[in-house]
């Protein structure tokens, strides 16, 4: 499973975001998130049902430097943090 698929699952299923909100967090179109999410669900289901290993790999990742102290829970995009963080 690619990191983009993992992130779509995390944002939608764990964080409870709508696809439109997840798209903003990921910096892609809603239709792209929908496609990524559907592929991720199929892969995850295959692993659960058929006992396959789940491997996370690949993709361009930008981790928020302020993640531990970010005002937005679960934020992983620097531009999202910069919009809402107080001046240092």
C-alpha atoms as a PDB file:
ATOM      1  CA  UNK A   1       0.000   0.000   0.000  1.00  0.00           C
ATOM      2  CA  UNK A   2       1.339   3.386  -0.920  1.00  0.00           C
ATOM      3  CA  UNK A   3       1.683   6.136   1.639  1.00  0.00           C
ATOM      4  CA  UNK A   4      -0.975   8.162  -0.176  1.00  0.00           C
ATOM      5  CA  UNK A   5      -3.419   5.269   0.277  1.00  0.00           C
ATOM      6  CA  UNK A   6      -2.485   4.955   3.948  1.00  0.00           C
ATOM      7  CA  UNK A   7      -3.023   8.695   4.448  1.00  0.00           C
ATOM      8  CA  UNK A   8      -6.431   8.593   2.756  1.00  0.00           C
ATOM      9  CA  UNK A   9      -7.526   5.759   5.071  1.00  0.00           C
ATOM     10  CA  UNK A  10      -6.169   7.593   8.110  1.00  0.00           C
ATOM     11  CA  UNK A  11      -7.874  10.877   7.312  1.00  0.00           C
ATOM     12  CA  UNK A  12     -11.246   9.435   6.287  1.00  0.00           C
ATOM     13  CA  UNK A  13     -11.647   6.398   8.549  1.00  0.00           C
ATOM     14  CA  UNK A  14      -9.617   7.340  11.628  1.00  0.00           C
ATOM     15  CA  UNK A  15      -9.897  11.132  11.701  1.00  0.00           C
ATOM     16  CA  UNK A  16     -13.468  11.089  10.368  1.00  0.00           C
ATOM     17  CA  UNK A  17     -12.914  13.669   7.637  1.00  0.00           C
ATOM     18  CA  UNK A  18     -15.121  13.918   4.583  1.00  0.00           C
ATOM     19  CA  UNK A  19     -13.421  13.193   1.256  1.00  0.00           C
ATOM     20  CA  UNK A  20     -13.416  16.907   0.436  1.00  0.00           C
ATOM     21  CA  UNK A  21     -11.635  17.709   3.712  1.00  0.00           C
ATOM     22  CA  UNK A  22      -9.150  14.883   3.173  1.00  0.00           C
ATOM     23  CA  UNK A  23      -8.461  16.222  -0.320  1.00  0.00           C
ATOM     24  CA  UNK A  24      -7.545  19.620   1.124  1.00  0.00           C
ATOM     25  CA  UNK A  25      -5.219  18.010   3.685  1.00  0.00           C
ATOM     26  CA  UNK A  26      -3.558  15.903   0.982  1.00  0.00           C
ATOM     27  CA  UNK A  27      -3.420  18.707  -1.572  1.00  0.00           C
ATOM     28  CA  UNK A  28      -5.304  16.815  -4.292  1.00  0.00           C
ATOM     29  CA  UNK A  29      -8.767  16.816  -5.871  1.00  0.00           C
ATOM     30  CA  UNK A  30     -11.685  15.095  -4.136  1.00  0.00           C
ATOM     31  CA  UNK A  31     -12.023  12.648  -7.024  1.00  0.00           C
ATOM     32  CA  UNK A  32      -8.367  11.733  -6.585  1.00  0.00           C
ATOM     33  CA  UNK A  33      -8.887  11.068  -2.877  1.00  0.00           C
ATOM     34  CA  UNK A  34     -11.913   8.938  -3.700  1.00  0.00           C
ATOM     35  CA  UNK A  35      -9.893   6.809  -6.140  1.00  0.00           C
ATOM     36  CA  UNK A  36      -6.951   6.497  -3.731  1.00  0.00           C
ATOM     37  CA  UNK A  37      -9.297   5.589  -0.848  1.00  0.00           C
ATOM     38  CA  UNK A  38     -11.143   2.932  -2.856  1.00  0.00           C
ATOM     39  CA  UNK A  39      -7.874   1.296  -3.921  1.00  0.00           C
ATOM     40  CA  UNK A  40      -6.593   1.363  -0.340  1.00  0.00           C
ATOM     41  CA  UNK A  41      -9.767  -0.269   0.978  1.00  0.00           C
ATOM     42  CA  UNK A  42      -9.487  -3.084  -1.564  1.00  0.00           C
ATOM     43  CA  UNK A  43      -5.865  -3.722  -0.614  1.00  0.00           C
ATOM     44  CA  UNK A  44      -6.586  -3.626   3.114  1.00  0.00           C
ATOM     45  CA  UNK A  45      -9.575  -5.935   2.746  1.00  0.00           C
ATOM     46  CA  UNK A  46      -7.494  -8.385   0.699  1.00  0.00           C
ATOM     47  CA  UNK A  47      -4.914  -8.462   3.490  1.00  0.00           C
ATOM     48  CA  UNK A  48      -7.523  -9.022   6.200  1.00  0.00           C
ATOM     49  CA  UNK A  49      -9.571 -11.632   4.345  1.00  0.00           C
ATOM     50  CA  UNK A  50      -6.726 -13.552   2.731  1.00  0.00           C
ATOM     51  CA  UNK A  51      -4.114 -13.180   5.473  1.00  0.00           C
ATOM     52  CA  UNK A  52      -1.668 -11.264   3.308  1.00  0.00           C
ATOM     53  CA  UNK A  53       1.042  -8.968   4.639  1.00  0.00           C
ATOM     54  CA  UNK A  54       0.405  -5.258   4.449  1.00  0.00           C
ATOM     55  CA  UNK A  55       3.443  -3.227   3.438  1.00  0.00           C
ATOM     56  CA  UNK A  56       3.543   0.540   3.422  1.00  0.00           C
ATOM     57  CA  UNK A  57       5.886   1.977   0.845  1.00  0.00           C
ATOM     58  CA  UNK A  58       6.607   4.683  -1.663  1.00  0.00           C
ATOM     59  CA  UNK A  59       5.387   8.148  -2.308  1.00  0.00           C
ATOM     60  CA  UNK A  60       6.464  11.713  -1.696  1.00  0.00           C
ATOM     61  CA  UNK A  61       5.985  12.664   1.934  1.00  0.00           C
ATOM     62  CA  UNK A  62       6.170  16.049   3.630  1.00  0.00           C
ATOM     63  CA  UNK A  63       6.048  15.788   7.403  1.00  0.00           C
ATOM     64  CA  UNK A  64       5.089  18.846   9.412  1.00  0.00           C
ATOM     65  CA  UNK A  65       8.058  20.131  11.402  1.00  0.00           C
ATOM     66  CA  UNK A  66       5.660  21.303  14.122  1.00  0.00           C
ATOM     67  CA  UNK A  67       3.714  18.021  14.287  1.00  0.00           C
ATOM     68  CA  UNK A  68       4.254  17.506  18.014  1.00  0.00           C
ATOM     69  CA  UNK A  69       2.995  21.031  18.792  1.00  0.00           C
ATOM     70  CA  UNK A  70       0.704  21.575  15.819  1.00  0.00           C
ATOM     71  CA  UNK A  71      -2.572  23.385  16.552  1.00  0.00           C
ATOM     72  CA  UNK A  72      -4.313  21.021  14.137  1.00  0.00           C
ATOM     73  CA  UNK A  73      -4.566  17.448  15.402  1.00  0.00           C
ATOM     74  CA  UNK A  74      -3.277  15.016  12.797  1.00  0.00           C
ATOM     75  CA  UNK A  75      -1.924  17.708  10.494  1.00  0.00           C
ATOM     76  CA  UNK A  76       0.867  16.541   8.256  1.00  0.00           C
ATOM     77  CA  UNK A  77       1.072  19.331   5.714  1.00  0.00           C
ATOM     78  CA  UNK A  78       3.249  22.321   6.538  1.00  0.00           C
ATOM     79  CA  UNK A  79       0.985  24.714   4.624  1.00  0.00           C
ATOM     80  CA  UNK A  80      -1.963  23.684   6.809  1.00  0.00           C
ATOM     81  CA  UNK A  81       0.017  24.406   9.978  1.00  0.00           C
ATOM     82  CA  UNK A  82       1.335  27.710   8.696  1.00  0.00           C
ATOM     83  CA  UNK A  83      -2.195  29.006   8.111  1.00  0.00           C
ATOM     84  CA  UNK A  84      -3.255  28.516  11.714  1.00  0.00           C
ATOM     85  CA  UNK A  85      -0.126  28.644  13.839  1.00  0.00           C
ATOM     86  CA  UNK A  86       0.491  31.653  16.032  1.00  0.00           C
ATOM     87  CA  UNK A  87       3.557  33.726  15.304  1.00  0.00           C
ATOM     88  CA  UNK A  88       6.683  32.454  17.093  1.00  0.00           C
END
